[in-house]
Amino acid sequence: MKRLEETGEPFVLTVNGRAKLVVQDAEAFGNSQIDESQIDWEAAREAVKAALKSPNYGQGRPVQELIAETKAQYEVVRSDNPE
């Protein structure tokens, strides 16, 4: 609880290495909710259509590679110690 309240970051619980449950501080959860009335759905659809027609479509790479590269580049060290 202390870690959730201090960081506002969600905590992922895993079973056999797979995410099964996410626990988050109620205030942080409330702040993360999107007011759907403020979304321009037509603009979102058009952006997706444009992306699918892009000559670069399908040329991405796994997000895990990007995360590992970024961590290495910035020497990110994660501490699982909540204190």
N, C-alpha and C. Protein backbone atom coordinates (compact mmCIF):
# COMPACT_ATOMS: atom_id res chain seq x y z
N MET A 1 0.83 -1.20 0.00
CA MET A 1 0.00 0.00 0.00
C MET A 1 0.87 1.25 0.00
N LYS A 2 1.91 1.23 0.83
CA LYS A 2 2.78 2.40 0.93
C LYS A 2 3.38 2.74 -0.44
N ARG A 3 3.88 1.72 -1.13
CA ARG A 3 4.49 1.93 -2.44
C ARG A 3 3.47 2.47 -3.43
N LEU A 4 2.26 1.93 -3.43
CA LEU A 4 1.22 2.40 -4.34
C LEU A 4 0.87 3.86 -4.08
N GLU A 5 0.74 4.22 -2.81
CA GLU A 5 0.39 5.59 -2.46
C GLU A 5 1.51 6.56 -2.79
N GLU A 6 2.75 6.15 -2.55
CA GLU A 6 3.88 7.05 -2.78
C GLU A 6 4.16 7.28 -4.26
N THR A 7 4.09 6.21 -5.06
CA THR A 7 4.46 6.33 -6.47
C THR A 7 3.28 6.61 -7.39
N GLY A 8 2.10 6.14 -7.01
CA GLY A 8 0.95 6.26 -7.90
C GLY A 8 1.04 5.31 -9.08
N GLU A 9 2.09 4.51 -9.13
CA GLU A 9 2.29 3.57 -10.22
C GLU A 9 1.57 2.26 -9.92
N PRO A 10 1.03 1.62 -10.94
CA PRO A 10 0.35 0.34 -10.73
C PRO A 10 1.36 -0.75 -10.40
N PHE A 11 0.90 -1.79 -9.72
CA PHE A 11 1.72 -2.93 -9.34
C PHE A 11 1.15 -4.15 -10.05
N VAL A 12 1.97 -4.85 -10.82
CA VAL A 12 1.51 -6.01 -11.59
C VAL A 12 1.84 -7.28 -10.83
N LEU A 13 0.83 -8.08 -10.59
CA LEU A 13 1.02 -9.37 -9.94
C LEU A 13 1.04 -10.44 -11.02
N THR A 14 2.00 -11.35 -10.92
CA THR A 14 2.16 -12.37 -11.94
C THR A 14 1.95 -13.77 -11.38
N VAL A 15 1.59 -14.68 -12.26
CA VAL A 15 1.51 -16.10 -11.95
C VAL A 15 2.31 -16.81 -13.03
N ASN A 16 3.32 -17.53 -12.63
CA ASN A 16 4.20 -18.22 -13.58
C ASN A 16 4.77 -17.26 -14.63
N GLY A 17 5.13 -16.07 -14.19
CA GLY A 17 5.74 -15.09 -15.09
C GLY A 17 4.80 -14.34 -16.00
N ARG A 18 3.50 -14.55 -15.86
CA ARG A 18 2.53 -13.85 -16.71
C ARG A 18 1.67 -12.92 -15.87
N ALA A 19 1.47 -11.72 -16.36
CA ALA A 19 0.65 -10.75 -15.64
C ALA A 19 -0.77 -11.28 -15.48
N LYS A 20 -1.27 -11.25 -14.25
CA LYS A 20 -2.62 -11.73 -13.97
C LYS A 20 -3.50 -10.67 -13.32
N LEU A 21 -2.88 -9.72 -12.62
CA LEU A 21 -3.66 -8.75 -11.86
C LEU A 21 -2.87 -7.47 -11.74
N VAL A 22 -3.55 -6.34 -11.87
CA VAL A 22 -2.92 -5.04 -11.68
C VAL A 22 -3.60 -4.35 -10.51
N VAL A 23 -2.78 -3.89 -9.57
CA VAL A 23 -3.30 -3.19 -8.39
C VAL A 23 -2.82 -1.75 -8.51
N GLN A 24 -3.75 -0.81 -8.28
CA GLN A 24 -3.40 0.60 -8.41
C GLN A 24 -4.11 1.41 -7.34
N ASP A 25 -3.44 2.45 -6.87
CA ASP A 25 -4.02 3.38 -5.91
C ASP A 25 -5.28 4.00 -6.53
N ALA A 26 -6.34 4.11 -5.75
CA ALA A 26 -7.63 4.58 -6.26
C ALA A 26 -7.53 5.99 -6.85
N GLU A 27 -6.79 6.87 -6.22
CA GLU A 27 -6.66 8.24 -6.73
C GLU A 27 -5.94 8.24 -8.07
N ALA A 28 -4.86 7.47 -8.19
CA ALA A 28 -4.13 7.39 -9.45
C ALA A 28 -5.01 6.79 -10.54
N PHE A 29 -5.80 5.79 -10.19
CA PHE A 29 -6.71 5.17 -11.16
C PHE A 29 -7.71 6.20 -11.65
N GLY A 30 -8.30 6.94 -10.74
CA GLY A 30 -9.26 7.96 -11.13
C GLY A 30 -8.66 9.02 -12.04
N ASN A 31 -7.41 9.38 -11.78
CA ASN A 31 -6.73 10.37 -12.60
C ASN A 31 -6.38 9.84 -13.98
N SER A 32 -6.31 8.52 -14.12
CA SER A 32 -5.90 7.93 -15.39
C SER A 32 -7.07 7.67 -16.35
N GLN A 33 -8.27 7.85 -15.88
CA GLN A 33 -9.43 7.56 -16.71
C GLN A 33 -9.63 8.63 -17.76
N ILE A 34 -9.99 8.19 -18.96
CA ILE A 34 -10.20 9.10 -20.08
C ILE A 34 -11.68 9.48 -20.16
N ASP A 35 -11.93 10.74 -20.33
CA ASP A 35 -13.30 11.21 -20.56
C ASP A 35 -13.58 11.03 -22.04
N GLU A 36 -14.34 9.97 -22.37
CA GLU A 36 -14.57 9.63 -23.78
C GLU A 36 -15.30 10.73 -24.55
N SER A 37 -15.97 11.62 -23.83
CA SER A 37 -16.67 12.69 -24.53
C SER A 37 -15.67 13.67 -25.15
N GLN A 38 -14.41 13.62 -24.71
CA GLN A 38 -13.40 14.54 -25.23
C GLN A 38 -12.58 13.94 -26.38
N ILE A 39 -12.89 12.70 -26.76
CA ILE A 39 -12.16 12.04 -27.83
C ILE A 39 -12.80 12.35 -29.16
N ASP A 40 -12.00 12.75 -30.11
CA ASP A 40 -12.47 12.99 -31.47
C ASP A 40 -12.34 11.67 -32.22
N TRP A 41 -13.42 10.86 -32.19
CA TRP A 41 -13.36 9.52 -32.76
C TRP A 41 -13.13 9.54 -34.26
N GLU A 42 -13.68 10.50 -34.94
CA GLU A 42 -13.46 10.58 -36.39
C GLU A 42 -11.99 10.84 -36.70
N ALA A 43 -11.37 11.73 -35.97
CA ALA A 43 -9.94 12.01 -36.17
C ALA A 43 -9.10 10.77 -35.83
N ALA A 44 -9.51 10.03 -34.81
CA ALA A 44 -8.79 8.82 -34.44
C ALA A 44 -8.88 7.78 -35.56
N ARG A 45 -10.08 7.61 -36.13
CA ARG A 45 -10.25 6.66 -37.24
C ARG A 45 -9.39 7.06 -38.44
N GLU A 46 -9.38 8.34 -38.75
CA GLU A 46 -8.59 8.82 -39.89
C GLU A 46 -7.09 8.61 -39.64
N ALA A 47 -6.65 8.80 -38.41
CA ALA A 47 -5.24 8.59 -38.09
C ALA A 47 -4.85 7.13 -38.25
N VAL A 48 -5.73 6.23 -37.84
CA VAL A 48 -5.46 4.79 -37.99
C VAL A 48 -5.43 4.43 -39.48
N LYS A 49 -6.37 4.94 -40.25
CA LYS A 49 -6.39 4.66 -41.69
C LYS A 49 -5.09 5.14 -42.35
N ALA A 50 -4.65 6.33 -41.98
CA ALA A 50 -3.42 6.88 -42.56
C ALA A 50 -2.21 6.02 -42.17
N ALA A 51 -2.18 5.58 -40.92
CA ALA A 51 -1.06 4.75 -40.47
C ALA A 51 -1.02 3.43 -41.22
N LEU A 52 -2.18 2.84 -41.48
CA LEU A 52 -2.24 1.57 -42.19
C LEU A 52 -1.80 1.70 -43.64
N LYS A 53 -1.94 2.90 -44.21
CA LYS A 53 -1.52 3.14 -45.59
C LYS A 53 -0.06 3.59 -45.68
N SER A 54 0.56 3.83 -44.55
CA SER A 54 1.93 4.33 -44.52
C SER A 54 2.89 3.32 -45.16
N PRO A 55 3.88 3.82 -45.90
CA PRO A 55 4.87 2.90 -46.49
C PRO A 55 5.70 2.20 -45.41
N ASN A 56 5.69 2.70 -44.21
CA ASN A 56 6.44 2.09 -43.12
C ASN A 56 5.62 1.09 -42.30
N TYR A 57 4.36 0.89 -42.68
CA TYR A 57 3.49 -0.02 -41.93
C TYR A 57 4.09 -1.42 -41.91
N GLY A 58 4.12 -2.01 -40.73
CA GLY A 58 4.63 -3.37 -40.58
C GLY A 58 6.13 -3.45 -40.45
N GLN A 59 6.81 -2.33 -40.41
CA GLN A 59 8.26 -2.33 -40.33
C GLN A 59 8.75 -2.00 -38.92
N GLY A 60 7.87 -2.16 -37.96
CA GLY A 60 8.24 -1.87 -36.58
C GLY A 60 9.09 -2.98 -36.00
N ARG A 61 9.29 -2.90 -34.70
CA ARG A 61 10.03 -3.94 -33.99
C ARG A 61 9.37 -4.17 -32.65
N PRO A 62 9.64 -5.29 -32.03
CA PRO A 62 9.01 -5.57 -30.74
C PRO A 62 9.33 -4.51 -29.70
N VAL A 63 8.32 -4.14 -28.92
CA VAL A 63 8.50 -3.10 -27.92
C VAL A 63 9.55 -3.52 -26.88
N GLN A 64 9.68 -4.82 -26.63
CA GLN A 64 10.67 -5.28 -25.67
C GLN A 64 12.09 -4.88 -26.10
N GLU A 65 12.36 -4.91 -27.41
CA GLU A 65 13.66 -4.48 -27.92
C GLU A 65 13.89 -3.01 -27.64
N LEU A 66 12.88 -2.19 -27.89
CA LEU A 66 12.99 -0.76 -27.66
C LEU A 66 13.24 -0.46 -26.19
N ILE A 67 12.51 -1.15 -25.31
CA ILE A 67 12.67 -0.94 -23.88
C ILE A 67 14.08 -1.32 -23.44
N ALA A 68 14.57 -2.48 -23.89
CA ALA A 68 15.91 -2.93 -23.52
C ALA A 68 16.97 -1.95 -24.03
N GLU A 69 16.81 -1.50 -25.25
CA GLU A 69 17.76 -0.54 -25.84
C GLU A 69 17.76 0.78 -25.06
N THR A 70 16.58 1.26 -24.72
CA THR A 70 16.47 2.51 -23.98
C THR A 70 17.08 2.39 -22.59
N LYS A 71 16.80 1.26 -21.91
CA LYS A 71 17.39 1.04 -20.58
C LYS A 71 18.91 1.02 -20.66
N ALA A 72 19.44 0.34 -21.67
CA ALA A 72 20.89 0.26 -21.83
C ALA A 72 21.49 1.63 -22.15
N GLN A 73 20.82 2.37 -23.02
CA GLN A 73 21.31 3.68 -23.43
C GLN A 73 21.38 4.65 -22.25
N TYR A 74 20.37 4.60 -21.39
CA TYR A 74 20.31 5.53 -20.27
C TYR A 74 20.72 4.89 -18.95
N GLU A 75 21.27 3.68 -19.02
CA GLU A 75 21.76 2.96 -17.86
C GLU A 75 20.69 2.90 -16.76
N VAL A 76 19.50 2.50 -17.15
CA VAL A 76 18.38 2.40 -16.21
C VAL A 76 18.55 1.12 -15.40
N VAL A 77 18.46 1.27 -14.09
CA VAL A 77 18.52 0.13 -13.20
C VAL A 77 17.24 0.14 -12.39
N ARG A 78 16.50 -0.96 -12.44
CA ARG A 78 15.23 -1.04 -11.71
C ARG A 78 15.47 -1.71 -10.37
N SER A 79 14.94 -1.11 -9.36
CA SER A 79 15.01 -1.71 -8.03
C SER A 79 13.63 -2.19 -7.66
N ASP A 80 13.52 -3.47 -7.35
CA ASP A 80 12.23 -4.01 -6.93
C ASP A 80 12.02 -3.84 -5.43
N ASN A 81 12.95 -3.17 -4.80
CA ASN A 81 12.86 -2.91 -3.37
C ASN A 81 11.92 -1.71 -3.17
N PRO A 82 10.77 -1.90 -2.53
CA PRO A 82 9.80 -0.82 -2.41
C PRO A 82 10.21 0.29 -1.46
N GLU A 83 11.34 0.19 -0.83
CA GLU A 83 11.75 1.22 0.15
C GLU A 83 12.72 2.20 -0.38
